[in-house]
Protein backbone atom coordinates (compact mmCIF):
# COMPACT_ATOMS: atom_id res chain seq x y z
CA VAL A 1 101.14 131.46 77.51
CA LEU A 2 103.27 131.83 80.67
CA THR A 3 106.18 129.54 79.40
CA GLY A 4 105.82 129.77 75.67
CA SER A 5 106.20 126.42 75.24
CA VAL A 6 103.60 124.17 73.39
CA PRO A 7 104.96 120.41 75.15
CA PHE A 8 104.36 122.04 78.61
CA THR A 9 100.95 123.39 77.90
CA VAL A 10 99.31 119.93 76.51
CA LEU A 11 101.15 118.62 79.46
CA SER A 12 99.85 120.91 82.34
CA ALA A 13 96.15 120.74 80.55
CA LEU A 14 96.15 116.76 81.00
CA GLY A 15 97.09 117.30 84.55
CA ALA A 16 94.30 119.89 84.90
CA TYR A 17 92.01 117.07 83.50
CA PHE A 18 92.87 114.21 85.16
CA ALA A 19 93.48 115.54 88.56
CA PRO A 20 89.99 116.02 89.83
CA ARG A 21 89.06 112.79 88.72
CA LEU A 22 91.97 111.29 90.50
CA ILE A 23 91.33 112.88 93.60
CA LEU A 24 88.00 111.55 93.53
CA GLN A 25 88.79 108.25 93.27
CA TYR A 26 90.89 108.62 95.61
CA LEU A 27 88.89 109.82 98.49
CA GLN A 28 86.40 106.97 97.33
CA GLN A 29 88.53 104.04 97.55
CA ARG A 30 89.59 105.35 101.02
CA ARG A 31 85.82 105.82 102.37
CA MET A 32 85.38 102.28 101.18
CA GLU A 33 87.92 101.30 102.65
CA ARG A 34 86.90 102.58 106.35
CA PHE A 35 83.48 100.86 105.13
CA ASP A 36 85.31 97.68 104.53
CA ASP A 37 86.97 98.33 108.46
CA GLN A 38 83.38 98.97 110.00
CA LEU A 39 81.60 96.20 108.03
CA PRO A 40 82.42 93.32 111.05
CA ASP A 41 81.58 95.82 113.64
CA ALA A 42 78.17 96.54 111.88
CA LEU A 43 77.32 92.91 111.06
CA SER A 44 77.90 92.01 115.31
CA LEU A 45 75.57 94.05 115.65
CA ILE A 46 72.69 93.55 113.31
CA ALA A 47 73.68 89.74 114.78
CA SER A 48 73.07 91.30 118.48
CA SER A 49 70.17 92.79 117.34
CA ALA A 50 68.55 90.05 115.57
CA ARG A 51 69.17 87.85 119.29
CA ALA A 52 66.95 90.77 120.94
CA GLY A 53 64.08 89.87 118.97
CA LEU A 54 64.66 92.75 116.15
CA SER A 55 63.57 91.74 112.35
CA LEU A 56 66.58 91.99 109.73
CA VAL A 57 65.05 96.47 108.84
CA GLN A 58 65.27 97.06 111.99
CA ALA A 59 68.58 95.49 113.05
CA LEU A 60 69.90 97.62 109.82
CA GLU A 61 68.10 100.97 111.47
CA ALA A 62 69.68 100.03 114.77
CA ALA A 63 73.23 99.58 112.79
CA ALA A 64 72.44 102.65 110.78
CA LEU A 65 71.88 105.15 113.74
CA LYS A 66 74.70 103.02 116.33
CA MET A 67 77.63 103.53 113.63
CA THR A 68 79.66 105.65 112.50
CA PRO A 69 80.26 107.19 109.19
CA PRO A 70 80.57 106.22 106.05
CA ALA A 71 78.78 103.07 107.55
CA SER A 72 75.63 104.36 109.87
CA GLU A 73 75.53 106.52 105.68
CA GLU A 74 75.67 103.75 103.55
CA PHE A 75 73.13 101.50 106.27
CA GLY A 76 70.52 105.08 106.25
CA LEU A 77 70.34 104.47 102.25
CA PHE A 78 69.37 101.34 102.70
CA LEU A 79 66.74 102.11 104.84
CA LYS A 80 65.56 105.52 102.78
CA GLU A 81 65.69 103.46 100.07
CA TYR A 82 62.97 100.51 101.64
CA GLN A 83 60.82 103.45 103.49
CA HIS A 84 60.03 104.43 99.56
CA GLY A 85 58.39 101.49 98.64
CA THR A 86 61.60 98.82 97.60
CA PRO A 87 61.42 95.69 99.09
CA ILE A 88 64.51 94.69 101.39
CA GLU A 89 65.56 91.83 99.11
CA ARG A 90 65.84 94.94 96.17
CA VAL A 91 67.17 97.30 98.64
CA LEU A 92 69.95 95.03 99.07
CA VAL A 93 71.06 94.19 95.95
CA ASN A 94 71.11 97.71 94.91
CA ALA A 95 73.25 98.25 97.52
CA ARG A 96 75.84 95.68 96.25
CA GLU A 97 75.57 96.78 92.92
CA ARG A 98 76.50 100.71 93.91
CA LEU A 99 79.01 99.75 96.52
CA ARG A 100 80.92 97.38 94.35
CA ARG A 101 82.92 96.26 97.27
CA PRO A 102 83.79 92.29 97.43
CA ASN A 103 83.45 91.57 101.54
CA PHE A 104 79.68 93.55 101.12
CA SER A 105 78.73 91.34 98.40
CA ILE A 106 79.22 88.12 100.76
CA VAL A 107 76.99 90.02 102.98
CA THR A 108 74.06 90.99 100.86
CA THR A 109 74.39 87.48 99.00
CA ALA A 110 73.49 85.53 102.17
CA LEU A 111 71.02 88.04 103.45
CA ILE A 112 68.88 87.69 100.24
CA VAL A 113 69.64 83.85 100.57
CA ASN A 114 68.75 83.46 104.09
CA ARG A 115 65.62 86.09 103.08
CA ASP A 116 64.14 83.85 100.48
CA LYS A 117 65.63 80.08 102.38
CA GLY A 118 64.89 80.85 105.93
CA GLY A 119 67.20 79.45 108.23
CA ASN A 120 69.11 80.68 111.26
CA LEU A 121 69.70 84.85 110.51
CA ILE A 122 72.36 85.40 113.97
CA GLU A 123 74.16 81.93 112.82
CA VAL A 124 74.68 83.45 109.21
CA VAL A 125 75.78 87.15 110.42
CA ASP A 126 78.20 85.70 113.09
CA LYS A 127 80.30 83.25 110.94
CA ILE A 128 80.39 86.13 107.98
CA SER A 129 81.61 88.96 110.54
CA SER A 130 84.31 86.88 111.19
CA SER A 131 85.41 85.37 108.02
CA LEU A 132 85.50 89.29 107.49
CA ARG A 133 87.52 90.02 110.27
CA GLU A 134 90.13 87.34 109.22
CA ILE A 135 90.21 88.26 106.10
CA THR A 136 90.86 92.72 107.26
CA ARG A 137 93.74 90.34 109.38
CA LEU A 138 95.34 89.33 107.13
CA GLU A 139 94.72 92.58 104.36
CA LYS A 140 96.39 94.64 107.39
CA LYS A 141 99.05 91.92 107.63
CA ILE A 142 100.11 92.36 104.06
CA LYS A 143 99.94 96.05 103.87
CA THR A 144 102.38 95.73 106.97
CA GLU A 145 104.55 93.37 105.07
CA THR A 146 104.57 95.72 101.84
CA ALA A 147 105.07 98.80 103.76
CA SER A 148 108.51 99.36 102.94
CA VAL A 149 108.27 98.71 99.15
CA ARG A 150 105.28 101.01 98.88
CA PHE A 151 107.34 103.89 100.71
CA SER A 152 110.27 102.89 98.35
CA ALA A 153 108.10 103.80 95.53
CA LYS A 154 107.11 107.25 96.76
CA LEU A 155 110.15 108.34 98.13
CA MET A 156 111.05 107.34 93.91
CA ALA A 157 108.32 108.63 92.65
CA LEU A 158 109.11 112.24 94.47
CA MET A 159 113.15 112.06 94.16
CA PRO A 160 113.37 113.91 90.34
CA LEU A 161 110.79 116.51 91.74
CA THR A 162 113.52 116.93 94.21
CA ILE A 163 116.64 116.99 92.58
CA GLY A 164 114.61 119.11 90.21
CA ILE A 165 114.60 121.78 93.11
CA ILE A 166 117.66 121.59 94.01
CA PHE A 167 119.19 121.85 91.01
CA TYR A 168 116.66 125.41 89.82
CA PHE A 169 118.33 126.55 92.92
CA ILE A 170 122.10 125.99 91.96
CA GLU A 171 121.30 126.42 88.43
CA PRO A 172 117.96 127.89 87.68
CA SER A 173 118.75 129.23 83.92
CA SER A 174 119.17 125.03 82.94
CA MET A 175 116.34 124.26 84.90
CA GLU A 176 113.94 126.80 82.87
CA LEU A 177 115.24 125.38 79.60
CA LEU A 178 112.43 122.12 80.74
CA PHE A 179 109.91 124.60 80.77
CA THR A 180 110.90 127.36 77.80
CA ASP A 181 113.08 124.92 75.43
CA PHE A 182 110.56 122.12 73.36
CA VAL A 183 112.95 119.13 74.05
CA GLY A 184 113.52 120.64 77.62
CA SER A 185 109.97 119.91 77.75
CA ILE A 186 110.04 116.31 75.72
CA ILE A 187 112.52 115.16 78.48
CA LEU A 188 109.97 116.52 81.85
CA PHE A 189 106.87 114.85 79.95
CA LEU A 190 108.28 111.73 79.56
CA VAL A 191 110.25 111.59 83.35
CA VAL A 192 106.46 112.18 83.92
CA VAL A 193 105.19 109.50 82.09
CA LEU A 194 107.66 107.25 83.63
CA ASN A 195 107.21 107.90 86.83
CA VAL A 196 103.74 107.09 86.77
CA VAL A 197 104.57 103.66 85.08
CA ALA A 198 107.08 102.79 87.77
CA MET A 199 104.16 103.91 90.23
CA VAL A 200 101.71 101.24 88.63
CA ILE A 201 103.56 98.36 88.09
CA ILE A 202 104.90 98.63 91.45
CA GLN A 203 101.22 99.12 93.11
CA ARG A 204 100.68 95.75 90.92
CA ILE A 205 103.32 94.20 92.50
CA VAL A 206 102.30 95.03 96.22
CA THR A 207 98.65 94.62 95.36
CA VAL A 208 97.23 90.80 96.94
CA ASP A 209 94.18 89.82 96.12
CA ILE A 210 92.55 87.63 99.41
């Protein structure tokens, strides 16, 4: 209505439709990354609790009380589900399916096998904790090594917007054509799409599975 441009209206509508979902996914990813960082410390706390003679459920309760969010919140959910009558093995399976984190899947699988087959819980948890610390160290090293590439990608994505703002102050009438003229709106749409495609490609290049 404000611009009189159908392509710009469609582009704005698509942005309004996808933006909340993308923001939610970003916040979820950040939360799960913090949970992954806390997981080795949580396992060390569980192992210490087991050495003190506590059961697995009591060790999980200690982790829920002593860890900070989001780990404390996730372990708190485990305990609430257990307190409502769900067996601890089922609680771990449900948590694995809900969180879908590779590191946490290793932990839950090991704990379920230990409960089913028996064995030294303390030794199992300690070994997993050490392995996860090494995985975390490698992941942080990869992020450090690829930081310059990721920064360049963000700079490249912001460059069209920056240039557009500069040109708007230099020649406003020409820049307004991107929003009011049909061809200009098509060009604006292509710029946005190509930038998104470039960001996705770069993200795939710098993402390394460990």
